[in-house]
């Protein structure tokens, strides 16, 4: 971090098999079960991207069950 405490970390947006989103520091190995979602940058940009694309917070398995597809 800089002297002023600003977070200068570059993050990647990641998504799991349930289509749940998170951010992960760039350069660190992704945890098991997560893959890159195609967006990286400052934390605020990544969180804004997640807010835009993650419009249904229900896990994929629950959405399928509720839609009668599971």
PDB file of N, CA and C in Angstrom:
ATOM      1  N   UNK A   1       0.834  -1.175   0.000  1.00  0.00           N
ATOM      2  CA  UNK A   1       0.000   0.000   0.000  1.00  0.00           C
ATOM      3  C   UNK A   1       0.883   1.243   0.000  1.00  0.00           C
ATOM      4  N   UNK A   2       0.348   2.315  -0.499  1.00  0.00           N
ATOM      5  CA  UNK A   2       1.088   3.564  -0.530  1.00  0.00           C
ATOM      6  C   UNK A   2       1.126   4.182   0.859  1.00  0.00           C
ATOM      7  N   UNK A   3       1.869   5.256   0.984  1.00  0.00           N
ATOM      8  CA  UNK A   3       1.996   5.927   2.268  1.00  0.00           C
ATOM      9  C   UNK A   3       0.653   6.407   2.802  1.00  0.00           C
ATOM     10  N   UNK A   4      -0.267   6.763   1.927  1.00  0.00           N
ATOM     11  CA  UNK A   4      -1.556   7.296   2.335  1.00  0.00           C
ATOM     12  C   UNK A   4      -2.576   6.194   2.628  1.00  0.00           C
ATOM     13  N   UNK A   5      -2.162   4.944   2.558  1.00  0.00           N
ATOM     14  CA  UNK A   5      -3.065   3.843   2.845  1.00  0.00           C
ATOM     15  C   UNK A   5      -3.959   3.446   1.696  1.00  0.00           C
ATOM     16  N   UNK A   6      -3.701   3.994   0.516  1.00  0.00           N
ATOM     17  CA  UNK A   6      -4.520   3.664  -0.657  1.00  0.00           C
ATOM     18  C   UNK A   6      -4.199   2.249  -1.126  1.00  0.00           C
ATOM     19  N   UNK A   7      -5.236   1.491  -1.433  1.00  0.00           N
ATOM     20  CA  UNK A   7      -5.068   0.115  -1.931  1.00  0.00           C
ATOM     21  C   UNK A   7      -4.676   0.179  -3.399  1.00  0.00           C
ATOM     22  N   UNK A   8      -3.439  -0.165  -3.686  1.00  0.00           N
ATOM     23  CA  UNK A   8      -2.951  -0.143  -5.064  1.00  0.00           C
ATOM     24  C   UNK A   8      -2.895  -1.556  -5.660  1.00  0.00           C
ATOM     25  N   UNK A   9      -3.451  -2.516  -4.956  1.00  0.00           N
ATOM     26  CA  UNK A   9      -3.465  -3.901  -5.427  1.00  0.00           C
ATOM     27  C   UNK A   9      -4.296  -4.009  -6.697  1.00  0.00           C
ATOM     28  N   UNK A  10      -3.818  -4.800  -7.645  1.00  0.00           N
ATOM     29  CA  UNK A  10      -4.604  -5.122  -8.833  1.00  0.00           C
ATOM     30  C   UNK A  10      -5.348  -6.416  -8.523  1.00  0.00           C
ATOM     31  N   UNK A  11      -6.640  -6.405  -8.759  1.00  0.00           N
ATOM     32  CA  UNK A  11      -7.485  -7.563  -8.479  1.00  0.00           C
ATOM     33  C   UNK A  11      -8.025  -8.163  -9.772  1.00  0.00           C
ATOM     34  N   UNK A  12      -8.427  -9.425  -9.679  1.00  0.00           N
ATOM     35  CA  UNK A  12      -9.130 -10.102 -10.768  1.00  0.00           C
ATOM     36  C   UNK A  12     -10.513 -10.465 -10.264  1.00  0.00           C
ATOM     37  N   UNK A  13     -11.495 -10.356 -11.130  1.00  0.00           N
ATOM     38  CA  UNK A  13     -12.838 -10.843 -10.796  1.00  0.00           C
ATOM     39  C   UNK A  13     -12.829 -12.343 -11.076  1.00  0.00           C
ATOM     40  N   UNK A  14     -13.321 -13.100 -10.113  1.00  0.00           N
ATOM     41  CA  UNK A  14     -13.367 -14.553 -10.253  1.00  0.00           C
ATOM     42  C   UNK A  14     -14.799 -15.024 -10.036  1.00  0.00           C
ATOM     43  N   UNK A  15     -15.097 -16.191 -10.561  1.00  0.00           N
ATOM     44  CA  UNK A  15     -16.440 -16.754 -10.461  1.00  0.00           C
ATOM     45  C   UNK A  15     -16.303 -18.257 -10.200  1.00  0.00           C
ATOM     46  N   UNK A  16     -17.244 -18.810  -9.433  1.00  0.00           N
ATOM     47  CA  UNK A  16     -17.188 -20.243  -9.162  1.00  0.00           C
ATOM     48  C   UNK A  16     -18.263 -20.991  -9.960  1.00  0.00           C
ATOM     49  N   UNK A  17     -18.347 -22.294  -9.734  1.00  0.00           N
ATOM     50  CA  UNK A  17     -19.287 -23.131 -10.499  1.00  0.00           C
ATOM     51  C   UNK A  17     -20.739 -22.779 -10.215  1.00  0.00           C
ATOM     52  N   UNK A  18     -21.005 -22.072  -9.128  1.00  0.00           N
ATOM     53  CA  UNK A  18     -22.367 -21.651  -8.794  1.00  0.00           C
ATOM     54  C   UNK A  18     -22.653 -20.241  -9.316  1.00  0.00           C
ATOM     55  N   UNK A  19     -21.724 -19.715 -10.129  1.00  0.00           N
ATOM     56  CA  UNK A  19     -21.829 -18.369 -10.706  1.00  0.00           C
ATOM     57  C   UNK A  19     -21.902 -17.288  -9.633  1.00  0.00           C
ATOM     58  N   UNK A  20     -21.137 -17.487  -8.554  1.00  0.00           N
ATOM     59  CA  UNK A  20     -20.987 -16.493  -7.509  1.00  0.00           C
ATOM     60  C   UNK A  20     -19.663 -15.763  -7.772  1.00  0.00           C
ATOM     61  N   UNK A  21     -19.662 -14.458  -7.603  1.00  0.00           N
ATOM     62  CA  UNK A  21     -18.498 -13.636  -7.951  1.00  0.00           C
ATOM     63  C   UNK A  21     -17.735 -13.174  -6.718  1.00  0.00           C
ATOM     64  N   UNK A  22     -16.441 -12.937  -6.921  1.00  0.00           N
ATOM     65  CA  UNK A  22     -15.592 -12.382  -5.882  1.00  0.00           C
ATOM     66  C   UNK A  22     -14.401 -11.706  -6.556  1.00  0.00           C
ATOM     67  N   UNK A  23     -13.524 -11.112  -5.755  1.00  0.00           N
ATOM     68  CA  UNK A  23     -12.286 -10.564  -6.293  1.00  0.00           C
ATOM     69  C   UNK A  23     -11.120 -11.286  -5.639  1.00  0.00           C
ATOM     70  N   UNK A  24     -10.012 -11.331  -6.359  1.00  0.00           N
ATOM     71  CA  UNK A  24      -8.829 -12.039  -5.886  1.00  0.00           C
ATOM     72  C   UNK A  24      -7.608 -11.242  -6.328  1.00  0.00           C
ATOM     73  N   UNK A  25      -6.609 -11.093  -5.459  1.00  0.00           N
ATOM     74  CA  UNK A  25      -5.414 -10.339  -5.853  1.00  0.00           C
ATOM     75  C   UNK A  25      -4.724 -10.959  -7.070  1.00  0.00           C
ATOM     76  N   UNK A  26      -4.386 -10.121  -8.044  1.00  0.00           N
ATOM     77  CA  UNK A  26      -3.690 -10.581  -9.243  1.00  0.00           C
ATOM     78  C   UNK A  26      -2.337 -11.133  -8.835  1.00  0.00           C
ATOM     79  N   UNK A  27      -1.920 -12.187  -9.477  1.00  0.00           N
ATOM     80  CA  UNK A  27      -0.627 -12.785  -9.187  1.00  0.00           C
ATOM     81  C   UNK A  27      -0.685 -13.902  -8.167  1.00  0.00           C
ATOM     82  N   UNK A  28      -1.793 -14.037  -7.467  1.00  0.00           N
ATOM     83  CA  UNK A  28      -1.955 -15.149  -6.521  1.00  0.00           C
ATOM     84  C   UNK A  28      -2.712 -16.264  -7.212  1.00  0.00           C
ATOM     85  N   UNK A  29      -2.357 -17.483  -6.871  1.00  0.00           N
ATOM     86  CA  UNK A  29      -3.041 -18.648  -7.449  1.00  0.00           C
ATOM     87  C   UNK A  29      -4.500 -18.630  -7.013  1.00  0.00           C
ATOM     88  N   UNK A  30      -5.387 -18.898  -7.957  1.00  0.00           N
ATOM     89  CA  UNK A  30      -6.821 -18.919  -7.640  1.00  0.00           C
ATOM     90  C   UNK A  30      -7.136 -20.095  -6.724  1.00  0.00           C
ATOM     91  N   UNK A  31      -8.075 -19.912  -5.806  1.00  0.00           N
ATOM     92  CA  UNK A  31      -8.491 -21.025  -4.964  1.00  0.00           C
ATOM     93  C   UNK A  31      -9.216 -22.084  -5.805  1.00  0.00           C
ATOM     94  N   UNK A  32      -9.211 -23.293  -5.322  1.00  0.00           N
ATOM     95  CA  UNK A  32      -9.873 -24.395  -6.022  1.00  0.00           C
ATOM     96  C   UNK A  32     -11.341 -24.057  -6.253  1.00  0.00           C
ATOM     97  N   UNK A  33     -11.818 -24.328  -7.447  1.00  0.00           N
ATOM     98  CA  UNK A  33     -13.221 -24.121  -7.765  1.00  0.00           C
ATOM     99  C   UNK A  33     -13.544 -22.753  -8.338  1.00  0.00           C
ATOM    100  N   UNK A  34     -12.547 -21.893  -8.467  1.00  0.00           N
ATOM    101  CA  UNK A  34     -12.760 -20.542  -8.996  1.00  0.00           C
ATOM    102  C   UNK A  34     -12.017 -20.366 -10.301  1.00  0.00           C
ATOM    103  N   UNK A  35     -12.580 -19.542 -11.198  1.00  0.00           N
ATOM    104  CA  UNK A  35     -11.946 -19.243 -12.483  1.00  0.00           C
ATOM    105  C   UNK A  35     -12.059 -17.737 -12.743  1.00  0.00           C
ATOM    106  N   UNK A  36     -11.211 -17.239 -13.616  1.00  0.00           N
ATOM    107  CA  UNK A  36     -11.247 -15.823 -13.947  1.00  0.00           C
ATOM    108  C   UNK A  36     -12.511 -15.487 -14.721  1.00  0.00           C
ATOM    109  N   UNK A  37     -13.056 -14.295 -14.469  1.00  0.00           N
ATOM    110  CA  UNK A  37     -14.273 -13.842 -15.147  1.00  0.00           C
ATOM    111  C   UNK A  37     -13.957 -12.852 -16.267  1.00  0.00           C
ATOM    112  N   UNK A  38     -12.672 -12.500 -16.441  1.00  0.00           N
ATOM    113  CA  UNK A  38     -12.292 -11.652 -17.557  1.00  0.00           C
ATOM    114  C   UNK A  38     -12.148 -10.176 -17.235  1.00  0.00           C
ATOM    115  N   UNK A  39     -12.162  -9.804 -15.967  1.00  0.00           N
ATOM    116  CA  UNK A  39     -12.015  -8.404 -15.584  1.00  0.00           C
ATOM    117  C   UNK A  39     -10.928  -8.306 -14.525  1.00  0.00           C
ATOM    118  N   UNK A  40     -10.047  -7.312 -14.656  1.00  0.00           N
ATOM    119  CA  UNK A  40      -9.055  -7.054 -13.624  1.00  0.00           C
ATOM    120  C   UNK A  40      -8.828  -5.559 -13.535  1.00  0.00           C
ATOM    121  N   UNK A  41      -8.268  -5.129 -12.419  1.00  0.00           N
ATOM    122  CA  UNK A  41      -7.976  -3.721 -12.217  1.00  0.00           C
ATOM    123  C   UNK A  41      -8.067  -3.346 -10.760  1.00  0.00           C
ATOM    124  N   UNK A  42      -8.231  -2.059 -10.477  1.00  0.00           N
ATOM    125  CA  UNK A  42      -8.377  -1.622  -9.081  1.00  0.00           C
ATOM    126  C   UNK A  42      -9.622  -2.234  -8.442  1.00  0.00           C
ATOM    127  N   UNK A  43      -9.607  -2.319  -7.118  1.00  0.00           N
ATOM    128  CA  UNK A  43     -10.704  -2.940  -6.382  1.00  0.00           C
ATOM    129  C   UNK A  43     -12.056  -2.325  -6.730  1.00  0.00           C
ATOM    130  N   UNK A  44     -12.133  -0.998  -6.776  1.00  0.00           N
ATOM    131  CA  UNK A  44     -13.413  -0.326  -7.051  1.00  0.00           C
ATOM    132  C   UNK A  44     -13.950  -0.698  -8.431  1.00  0.00           C
ATOM    133  N   UNK A  45     -13.074  -0.793  -9.430  1.00  0.00           N
ATOM    134  CA  UNK A  45     -13.503  -1.168 -10.777  1.00  0.00           C
ATOM    135  C   UNK A  45     -14.036  -2.599 -10.802  1.00  0.00           C
ATOM    136  N   UNK A  46     -13.335  -3.495 -10.107  1.00  0.00           N
ATOM    137  CA  UNK A  46     -13.765  -4.891 -10.077  1.00  0.00           C
ATOM    138  C   UNK A  46     -15.102  -5.039  -9.363  1.00  0.00           C
ATOM    139  N   UNK A  47     -15.274  -4.317  -8.251  1.00  0.00           N
ATOM    140  CA  UNK A  47     -16.537  -4.398  -7.528  1.00  0.00           C
ATOM    141  C   UNK A  47     -17.683  -3.800  -8.344  1.00  0.00           C
ATOM    142  N   UNK A  48     -17.404  -2.736  -9.088  1.00  0.00           N
ATOM    143  CA  UNK A  48     -18.431  -2.145  -9.951  1.00  0.00           C
ATOM    144  C   UNK A  48     -18.829  -3.128 -11.048  1.00  0.00           C
ATOM    145  N   UNK A  49     -17.857  -3.846 -11.600  1.00  0.00           N
ATOM    146  CA  UNK A  49     -18.139  -4.853 -12.627  1.00  0.00           C
ATOM    147  C   UNK A  49     -19.036  -5.953 -12.054  1.00  0.00           C
ATOM    148  N   UNK A  50     -18.699  -6.432 -10.858  1.00  0.00           N
ATOM    149  CA  UNK A  50     -19.500  -7.478 -10.224  1.00  0.00           C
ATOM    150  C   UNK A  50     -20.928  -6.989 -10.005  1.00  0.00           C
ATOM    151  N   UNK A  51     -21.074  -5.754  -9.535  1.00  0.00           N
ATOM    152  CA  UNK A  51     -22.411  -5.199  -9.299  1.00  0.00           C
ATOM    153  C   UNK A  51     -23.225  -5.169 -10.585  1.00  0.00           C
ATOM    154  N   UNK A  52     -22.541  -4.926 -11.708  1.00  0.00           N
ATOM    155  CA  UNK A  52     -23.212  -4.852 -13.007  1.00  0.00           C
ATOM    156  C   UNK A  52     -23.633  -6.225 -13.522  1.00  0.00           C
ATOM    157  N   UNK A  53     -22.763  -7.230 -13.357  1.00  0.00           N
ATOM    158  CA  UNK A  53     -23.039  -8.532 -13.976  1.00  0.00           C
ATOM    159  C   UNK A  53     -23.712  -9.544 -13.052  1.00  0.00           C
ATOM    160  N   UNK A  54     -23.556  -9.380 -11.742  1.00  0.00           N
ATOM    161  CA  UNK A  54     -24.120 -10.360 -10.806  1.00  0.00           C
ATOM    162  C   UNK A  54     -25.464  -9.843 -10.326  1.00  0.00           C
ATOM    163  N   UNK A  55     -26.467 -10.018 -11.150  1.00  0.00           N
ATOM    164  CA  UNK A  55     -27.789  -9.445 -10.878  1.00  0.00           C
ATOM    165  C   UNK A  55     -28.698 -10.390 -10.096  1.00  0.00           C
ATOM    166  N   UNK A  56     -28.355 -11.654 -10.032  1.00  0.00           N
ATOM    167  CA  UNK A  56     -29.147 -12.639  -9.291  1.00  0.00           C
ATOM    168  C   UNK A  56     -28.214 -13.326  -8.307  1.00  0.00           C
ATOM    169  N   UNK A  57     -28.360 -13.035  -7.038  1.00  0.00           N
ATOM    170  CA  UNK A  57     -27.435 -13.540  -6.021  1.00  0.00           C
ATOM    171  C   UNK A  57     -27.632 -15.021  -5.689  1.00  0.00           C
ATOM    172  N   UNK A  58     -28.706 -15.602  -6.176  1.00  0.00           N
ATOM    173  CA  UNK A  58     -28.941 -17.020  -5.874  1.00  0.00           C
ATOM    174  C   UNK A  58     -27.899 -17.885  -6.572  1.00  0.00           C
ATOM    175  N   UNK A  59     -27.381 -18.916  -5.890  1.00  0.00           N
ATOM    176  CA  UNK A  59     -26.471 -19.849  -6.546  1.00  0.00           C
ATOM    177  C   UNK A  59     -27.153 -20.496  -7.757  1.00  0.00           C
ATOM    178  N   UNK A  60     -26.367 -20.861  -8.747  1.00  0.00           N
ATOM    179  CA  UNK A  60     -26.878 -21.466  -9.969  1.00  0.00           C
ATOM    180  C   UNK A  60     -27.760 -22.680  -9.675  1.00  0.00           C
ATOM    181  N   UNK A  61     -27.330 -23.549  -8.755  1.00  0.00           N
ATOM    182  CA  UNK A  61     -28.117 -24.750  -8.455  1.00  0.00           C
ATOM    183  C   UNK A  61     -29.502 -24.394  -7.914  1.00  0.00           C
ATOM    184  N   UNK A  62     -29.592 -23.346  -7.099  1.00  0.00           N
ATOM    185  CA  UNK A  62     -30.880 -22.928  -6.571  1.00  0.00           C
ATOM    186  C   UNK A  62     -31.748 -22.325  -7.687  1.00  0.00           C
ATOM    187  N   UNK A  63     -31.141 -21.523  -8.557  1.00  0.00           N
ATOM    188  CA  UNK A  63     -31.913 -20.949  -9.668  1.00  0.00           C
ATOM    189  C   UNK A  63     -32.486 -22.061 -10.539  1.00  0.00           C
ATOM    190  N   UNK A  64     -31.672 -23.067 -10.825  1.00  0.00           N
ATOM    191  CA  UNK A  64     -32.154 -24.184 -11.640  1.00  0.00           C
ATOM    192  C   UNK A  64     -33.287 -24.928 -10.936  1.00  0.00           C
ATOM    193  N   UNK A  65     -33.119 -25.160  -9.643  1.00  0.00           N
ATOM    194  CA  UNK A  65     -34.156 -25.860  -8.888  1.00  0.00           C
ATOM    195  C   UNK A  65     -35.452 -25.080  -8.874  1.00  0.00           C
ATOM    196  N   UNK A  66     -35.368 -23.781  -8.658  1.00  0.00           N
ATOM    197  CA  UNK A  66     -36.556 -22.956  -8.578  1.00  0.00           C
ATOM    198  C   UNK A  66     -37.227 -22.813  -9.955  1.00  0.00           C
ATOM    199  N   UNK A  67     -36.439 -22.913 -11.022  1.00  0.00           N
ATOM    200  CA  UNK A  67     -36.993 -22.833 -12.369  1.00  0.00           C
ATOM    201  C   UNK A  67     -37.487 -24.202 -12.848  1.00  0.00           C
ATOM    202  N   UNK A  68     -37.342 -25.235 -12.007  1.00  0.00           N
ATOM    203  CA  UNK A  68     -37.798 -26.584 -12.358  1.00  0.00           C
ATOM    204  C   UNK A  68     -36.853 -27.342 -13.264  1.00  0.00           C
ATOM    205  N   UNK A  69     -35.613 -26.892 -13.347  1.00  0.00           N
ATOM    206  CA  UNK A  69     -34.661 -27.541 -14.247  1.00  0.00           C
ATOM    207  C   UNK A  69     -33.722 -28.498 -13.581  1.00  0.00           C
ATOM    208  N   UNK A  70     -33.849 -28.739 -12.293  1.00  0.00           N
ATOM    209  CA  UNK A  70     -32.903 -29.634 -11.622  1.00  0.00           C
ATOM    210  C   UNK A  70     -33.582 -30.860 -11.074  1.00  0.00           C
TER     211      UNK A  70
END
